[in-house]
């Protein structure tokens, strides 16, 4: 499965960004999808889950640090996952990764990430 993130960049505190994750998947009911982030100086193993969404049912979940500010959604017509990020703070600075995992076989696919820098 191919997964490609885009939409990162430099934004001022209080600003917004919308991250996109294009995928070669054509059906989504067997996937659990998520956005993770890796802050500067942290290792791959320290990536934190920011937001998740189930392909079957559409249930979502968010880290406490982003609740009320970030929104994850799936557009099956465009085969894309999105993360709308509002009211950004410097603590949101990180590389953001898209992750797909099959719910039946636990096969995981990661993208290469997109950099988000929140700074004045």
N, C-alpha and C. Protein backbone atom coordinates (compact mmCIF):
# COMPACT_ATOMS: atom_id res chain seq x y z
N UNK A 1 0.83 -1.18 0.00
CA UNK A 1 0.00 0.00 0.00
C UNK A 1 0.88 1.24 0.00
N UNK A 2 0.55 2.18 -0.90
CA UNK A 2 1.30 3.44 -0.96
C UNK A 2 0.56 4.51 -0.18
N UNK A 3 1.34 5.27 0.57
CA UNK A 3 0.78 6.33 1.41
C UNK A 3 1.70 7.54 1.29
N UNK A 4 1.17 8.69 0.90
CA UNK A 4 1.98 9.87 0.67
C UNK A 4 1.34 11.09 1.33
N UNK A 5 2.08 11.69 2.26
CA UNK A 5 1.58 12.87 2.96
C UNK A 5 1.99 14.16 2.22
N UNK A 6 1.21 15.20 2.43
CA UNK A 6 1.53 16.53 1.91
C UNK A 6 0.80 17.56 2.74
N UNK A 7 1.16 18.82 2.53
CA UNK A 7 0.44 19.91 3.18
C UNK A 7 1.16 20.55 4.35
N UNK A 8 2.31 20.03 4.72
CA UNK A 8 3.04 20.63 5.82
C UNK A 8 3.66 21.96 5.41
N UNK A 9 4.23 22.65 6.40
CA UNK A 9 4.85 23.93 6.12
C UNK A 9 5.09 24.71 7.38
N UNK A 10 5.44 25.97 7.19
CA UNK A 10 5.68 26.89 8.30
C UNK A 10 4.42 27.73 8.53
N UNK A 11 3.98 27.80 9.77
CA UNK A 11 2.78 28.55 10.10
C UNK A 11 2.99 29.26 11.43
N UNK A 12 2.36 30.39 11.59
CA UNK A 12 2.48 31.14 12.84
C UNK A 12 1.57 30.55 13.90
N UNK A 13 1.94 30.74 15.15
CA UNK A 13 1.04 30.29 16.23
C UNK A 13 -0.36 30.84 16.04
N UNK A 14 -1.35 29.98 16.28
CA UNK A 14 -2.73 30.37 16.06
C UNK A 14 -3.24 30.08 14.66
N UNK A 15 -2.33 29.74 13.77
CA UNK A 15 -2.71 29.47 12.39
C UNK A 15 -3.25 28.07 12.18
N UNK A 16 -3.54 27.76 10.93
CA UNK A 16 -4.12 26.48 10.55
C UNK A 16 -3.37 25.86 9.38
N UNK A 17 -3.42 24.56 9.32
CA UNK A 17 -2.91 23.79 8.19
C UNK A 17 -3.82 22.60 7.97
N UNK A 18 -3.87 22.15 6.74
CA UNK A 18 -4.60 20.93 6.41
C UNK A 18 -3.63 19.95 5.76
N UNK A 19 -3.40 18.85 6.43
CA UNK A 19 -2.54 17.81 5.89
C UNK A 19 -3.37 16.83 5.09
N UNK A 20 -2.76 16.33 4.02
CA UNK A 20 -3.41 15.34 3.17
C UNK A 20 -2.57 14.07 3.13
N UNK A 21 -3.26 12.96 2.97
CA UNK A 21 -2.59 11.66 2.85
C UNK A 21 -3.23 10.92 1.68
N UNK A 22 -2.53 10.88 0.56
CA UNK A 22 -3.02 10.15 -0.60
C UNK A 22 -2.62 8.69 -0.47
N UNK A 23 -3.53 7.81 -0.88
CA UNK A 23 -3.26 6.38 -0.73
C UNK A 23 -3.70 5.61 -1.95
N UNK A 24 -3.05 4.47 -2.17
CA UNK A 24 -3.43 3.60 -3.27
C UNK A 24 -4.60 2.69 -2.87
N UNK A 25 -5.03 2.74 -1.62
CA UNK A 25 -6.18 1.95 -1.19
C UNK A 25 -7.43 2.42 -1.93
N UNK A 26 -8.32 1.48 -2.24
CA UNK A 26 -9.56 1.82 -2.92
C UNK A 26 -10.78 1.46 -2.09
N UNK A 27 -10.57 0.60 -1.12
CA UNK A 27 -11.63 0.33 -0.13
C UNK A 27 -11.02 0.52 1.24
N UNK A 28 -11.83 0.95 2.20
CA UNK A 28 -11.27 1.38 3.47
C UNK A 28 -11.88 0.68 4.67
N UNK A 29 -12.82 -0.20 4.45
CA UNK A 29 -13.52 -0.81 5.59
C UNK A 29 -12.61 -1.71 6.42
N UNK A 30 -11.52 -2.17 5.85
CA UNK A 30 -10.61 -3.07 6.57
C UNK A 30 -9.40 -2.36 7.16
N UNK A 31 -9.44 -1.03 7.19
CA UNK A 31 -8.29 -0.28 7.69
C UNK A 31 -8.63 0.52 8.94
N UNK A 32 -7.63 0.61 9.79
CA UNK A 32 -7.61 1.63 10.82
C UNK A 32 -6.54 2.62 10.39
N UNK A 33 -6.88 3.89 10.34
CA UNK A 33 -5.99 4.91 9.81
C UNK A 33 -5.68 5.94 10.87
N UNK A 34 -4.48 6.47 10.80
CA UNK A 34 -4.12 7.43 11.82
C UNK A 34 -3.08 8.42 11.38
N UNK A 35 -3.05 9.53 12.07
CA UNK A 35 -1.99 10.52 11.92
C UNK A 35 -1.13 10.46 13.19
N UNK A 36 0.16 10.33 12.97
CA UNK A 36 1.13 10.33 14.06
C UNK A 36 2.06 11.51 13.85
N UNK A 37 2.76 11.88 14.94
CA UNK A 37 3.77 12.92 14.78
C UNK A 37 5.02 12.58 15.58
N UNK A 38 6.13 13.06 15.05
CA UNK A 38 7.42 12.83 15.67
C UNK A 38 8.06 14.19 15.89
N UNK A 39 8.06 14.67 17.13
CA UNK A 39 8.63 15.99 17.42
C UNK A 39 10.14 16.00 17.21
N UNK A 40 10.73 17.18 17.09
CA UNK A 40 12.18 17.28 16.92
C UNK A 40 12.92 16.62 18.08
N UNK A 41 13.96 15.88 17.75
CA UNK A 41 14.76 15.23 18.77
C UNK A 41 14.21 13.91 19.27
N UNK A 42 13.04 13.53 18.82
CA UNK A 42 12.45 12.26 19.24
C UNK A 42 12.73 11.18 18.20
N UNK A 43 12.81 9.94 18.68
CA UNK A 43 13.06 8.82 17.78
C UNK A 43 11.77 8.32 17.16
N UNK A 44 11.93 7.48 16.15
CA UNK A 44 10.78 6.88 15.47
C UNK A 44 9.86 6.17 16.47
N UNK A 45 10.49 5.51 17.44
CA UNK A 45 9.71 4.75 18.42
C UNK A 45 8.89 5.67 19.33
N UNK A 46 9.20 6.98 19.32
CA UNK A 46 8.49 7.92 20.17
C UNK A 46 7.40 8.68 19.43
N UNK A 47 7.08 8.24 18.25
CA UNK A 47 5.98 8.88 17.53
C UNK A 47 4.72 8.74 18.36
N UNK A 48 3.93 9.81 18.37
CA UNK A 48 2.70 9.77 19.13
C UNK A 48 1.50 9.82 18.20
N UNK A 49 0.48 9.09 18.59
CA UNK A 49 -0.76 9.09 17.84
C UNK A 49 -1.50 10.40 18.09
N UNK A 50 -1.82 11.08 17.02
CA UNK A 50 -2.52 12.36 17.11
C UNK A 50 -4.01 12.17 16.91
N UNK A 51 -4.37 11.43 15.86
CA UNK A 51 -5.78 11.23 15.53
C UNK A 51 -5.92 9.93 14.77
N UNK A 52 -7.05 9.26 14.96
CA UNK A 52 -7.29 8.00 14.27
C UNK A 52 -8.73 7.96 13.78
N UNK A 53 -8.94 7.12 12.77
CA UNK A 53 -10.28 6.94 12.23
C UNK A 53 -10.40 5.52 11.71
N UNK A 54 -11.54 4.90 11.98
CA UNK A 54 -11.79 3.54 11.52
C UNK A 54 -12.47 3.59 10.16
N UNK A 55 -11.97 2.76 9.24
CA UNK A 55 -12.59 2.71 7.93
C UNK A 55 -14.02 2.18 7.98
N UNK A 56 -14.26 1.25 8.90
CA UNK A 56 -15.62 0.71 9.08
C UNK A 56 -16.26 1.47 10.24
N UNK A 57 -17.25 2.22 9.93
CA UNK A 57 -17.97 2.95 10.97
C UNK A 57 -17.55 4.39 11.13
N UNK A 58 -16.31 4.70 10.77
CA UNK A 58 -15.87 6.09 10.82
C UNK A 58 -15.58 6.64 12.20
N UNK A 59 -15.49 5.77 13.20
CA UNK A 59 -15.20 6.26 14.54
C UNK A 59 -13.84 6.93 14.61
N UNK A 60 -13.74 8.01 15.36
CA UNK A 60 -12.50 8.77 15.45
C UNK A 60 -12.01 8.85 16.89
N UNK A 61 -10.73 9.12 17.02
CA UNK A 61 -10.12 9.32 18.33
C UNK A 61 -9.02 10.36 18.23
N UNK A 62 -8.79 11.07 19.33
CA UNK A 62 -7.79 12.14 19.33
C UNK A 62 -6.97 12.12 20.61
N UNK A 63 -5.71 12.53 20.46
CA UNK A 63 -4.89 12.75 21.64
C UNK A 63 -5.46 13.94 22.41
N UNK A 64 -5.32 13.90 23.72
CA UNK A 64 -5.85 14.99 24.54
C UNK A 64 -5.27 16.34 24.13
N UNK A 65 -4.03 16.34 23.70
CA UNK A 65 -3.35 17.59 23.37
C UNK A 65 -3.91 18.28 22.14
N UNK A 66 -4.69 17.56 21.33
CA UNK A 66 -5.21 18.15 20.10
C UNK A 66 -6.73 18.19 20.04
N UNK A 67 -7.39 17.63 21.03
CA UNK A 67 -8.85 17.61 21.03
C UNK A 67 -9.40 19.03 20.94
N UNK A 68 -10.37 19.18 20.06
CA UNK A 68 -10.96 20.50 19.87
C UNK A 68 -10.23 21.38 18.88
N UNK A 69 -9.04 20.97 18.48
CA UNK A 69 -8.25 21.75 17.53
C UNK A 69 -8.03 21.01 16.21
N UNK A 70 -7.87 19.70 16.27
CA UNK A 70 -7.60 18.89 15.08
C UNK A 70 -8.83 18.07 14.73
N UNK A 71 -9.00 17.84 13.43
CA UNK A 71 -10.09 17.00 12.94
C UNK A 71 -9.56 16.09 11.84
N UNK A 72 -9.83 14.80 11.99
CA UNK A 72 -9.43 13.83 10.98
C UNK A 72 -10.66 13.42 10.18
N UNK A 73 -10.49 13.30 8.88
CA UNK A 73 -11.59 12.80 8.06
C UNK A 73 -11.07 12.05 6.86
N UNK A 74 -11.91 11.17 6.36
CA UNK A 74 -11.58 10.32 5.22
C UNK A 74 -12.50 10.65 4.06
N UNK A 75 -11.92 10.88 2.91
CA UNK A 75 -12.70 11.12 1.69
C UNK A 75 -12.50 9.92 0.79
N UNK A 76 -13.46 9.00 0.80
CA UNK A 76 -13.30 7.78 0.02
C UNK A 76 -13.37 8.03 -1.48
N UNK A 77 -14.04 9.09 -1.88
CA UNK A 77 -14.11 9.42 -3.31
C UNK A 77 -12.75 9.85 -3.84
N UNK A 78 -11.95 10.47 -2.98
CA UNK A 78 -10.63 10.95 -3.38
C UNK A 78 -9.51 10.03 -2.90
N UNK A 79 -9.88 8.94 -2.22
CA UNK A 79 -8.87 8.00 -1.67
C UNK A 79 -7.84 8.74 -0.83
N UNK A 80 -8.33 9.59 0.05
CA UNK A 80 -7.42 10.43 0.82
C UNK A 80 -7.90 10.61 2.25
N UNK A 81 -6.92 10.74 3.12
CA UNK A 81 -7.14 11.01 4.53
C UNK A 81 -6.64 12.42 4.80
N UNK A 82 -7.35 13.14 5.66
CA UNK A 82 -6.98 14.52 5.93
C UNK A 82 -6.86 14.76 7.43
N UNK A 83 -6.06 15.78 7.77
CA UNK A 83 -5.98 16.24 9.15
C UNK A 83 -6.05 17.76 9.13
N UNK A 84 -7.17 18.29 9.58
CA UNK A 84 -7.33 19.73 9.69
C UNK A 84 -6.80 20.15 11.05
N UNK A 85 -5.84 21.06 11.07
CA UNK A 85 -5.21 21.49 12.30
C UNK A 85 -5.45 22.98 12.49
N UNK A 86 -6.12 23.35 13.56
CA UNK A 86 -6.42 24.75 13.86
C UNK A 86 -5.76 25.16 15.16
N UNK A 87 -5.62 26.47 15.32
CA UNK A 87 -5.07 27.03 16.55
C UNK A 87 -3.74 26.35 16.91
N UNK A 88 -2.86 26.29 15.95
CA UNK A 88 -1.59 25.60 16.14
C UNK A 88 -0.69 26.33 17.14
N UNK A 89 0.08 25.56 17.86
CA UNK A 89 1.04 26.09 18.83
C UNK A 89 2.43 25.55 18.50
N UNK A 90 3.48 26.16 19.03
CA UNK A 90 4.83 25.64 18.76
C UNK A 90 5.00 24.19 19.18
N UNK A 91 4.21 23.74 20.15
CA UNK A 91 4.30 22.33 20.59
C UNK A 91 3.78 21.36 19.53
N UNK A 92 3.12 21.87 18.53
CA UNK A 92 2.64 21.01 17.44
C UNK A 92 3.71 20.81 16.37
N UNK A 93 4.84 21.46 16.51
CA UNK A 93 5.93 21.29 15.55
C UNK A 93 6.42 19.85 15.56
N UNK A 94 6.42 19.23 14.38
CA UNK A 94 6.80 17.81 14.27
C UNK A 94 6.74 17.40 12.81
N UNK A 95 7.23 16.21 12.56
CA UNK A 95 6.97 15.56 11.28
C UNK A 95 5.71 14.74 11.47
N UNK A 96 4.75 14.93 10.59
CA UNK A 96 3.46 14.25 10.69
C UNK A 96 3.42 13.11 9.69
N UNK A 97 3.03 11.95 10.18
CA UNK A 97 2.99 10.73 9.37
C UNK A 97 1.58 10.17 9.30
N UNK A 98 1.28 9.62 8.16
CA UNK A 98 0.02 8.92 7.94
C UNK A 98 0.31 7.42 8.07
N UNK A 99 -0.58 6.71 8.72
CA UNK A 99 -0.39 5.27 8.96
C UNK A 99 -1.68 4.53 8.67
N UNK A 100 -1.55 3.46 7.90
CA UNK A 100 -2.67 2.57 7.61
C UNK A 100 -2.36 1.21 8.20
N UNK A 101 -3.32 0.60 8.85
CA UNK A 101 -3.15 -0.75 9.37
C UNK A 101 -4.38 -1.56 9.04
N UNK A 102 -4.16 -2.74 8.47
CA UNK A 102 -5.30 -3.61 8.19
C UNK A 102 -5.80 -4.20 9.50
N UNK A 103 -7.09 -4.20 9.68
CA UNK A 103 -7.65 -4.65 10.96
C UNK A 103 -7.61 -6.16 11.11
N UNK A 104 -7.52 -6.89 10.00
CA UNK A 104 -7.54 -8.36 10.07
C UNK A 104 -6.15 -8.97 10.16
N UNK A 105 -5.19 -8.39 9.45
CA UNK A 105 -3.84 -8.99 9.40
C UNK A 105 -2.78 -8.10 10.02
N UNK A 106 -3.16 -6.91 10.49
CA UNK A 106 -2.23 -5.98 11.15
C UNK A 106 -1.02 -5.63 10.29
N UNK A 107 -1.22 -5.55 8.99
CA UNK A 107 -0.16 -5.07 8.11
C UNK A 107 -0.16 -3.54 8.16
N UNK A 108 1.00 -2.96 8.40
CA UNK A 108 1.12 -1.52 8.60
C UNK A 108 1.87 -0.87 7.44
N UNK A 109 1.34 0.26 7.00
CA UNK A 109 1.99 1.06 5.96
C UNK A 109 2.13 2.49 6.47
N UNK A 110 3.34 3.02 6.35
CA UNK A 110 3.62 4.40 6.74
C UNK A 110 3.99 5.23 5.53
N UNK A 111 3.67 6.50 5.60
CA UNK A 111 4.20 7.43 4.62
C UNK A 111 5.56 7.94 5.06
N UNK A 112 6.13 8.86 4.28
CA UNK A 112 7.44 9.41 4.61
C UNK A 112 7.34 10.66 5.47
N UNK A 113 6.15 11.15 5.65
CA UNK A 113 5.96 12.28 6.55
C UNK A 113 5.96 13.63 5.86
N UNK A 114 5.38 14.59 6.55
CA UNK A 114 5.39 15.98 6.09
C UNK A 114 5.69 16.86 7.30
N UNK A 115 6.60 17.83 7.11
CA UNK A 115 7.09 18.64 8.20
C UNK A 115 6.15 19.80 8.50
N UNK A 116 5.84 19.96 9.78
CA UNK A 116 5.04 21.10 10.24
C UNK A 116 5.87 21.88 11.25
N UNK A 117 6.04 23.16 10.99
CA UNK A 117 6.77 24.03 11.92
C UNK A 117 5.86 25.19 12.31
N UNK A 118 5.65 25.33 13.59
CA UNK A 118 4.82 26.41 14.11
C UNK A 118 5.74 27.39 14.84
N UNK A 119 5.91 28.56 14.25
CA UNK A 119 6.85 29.52 14.79
C UNK A 119 6.50 30.91 14.31
N UNK A 120 6.78 31.90 15.16
CA UNK A 120 6.58 33.28 14.76
C UNK A 120 7.87 33.87 14.20
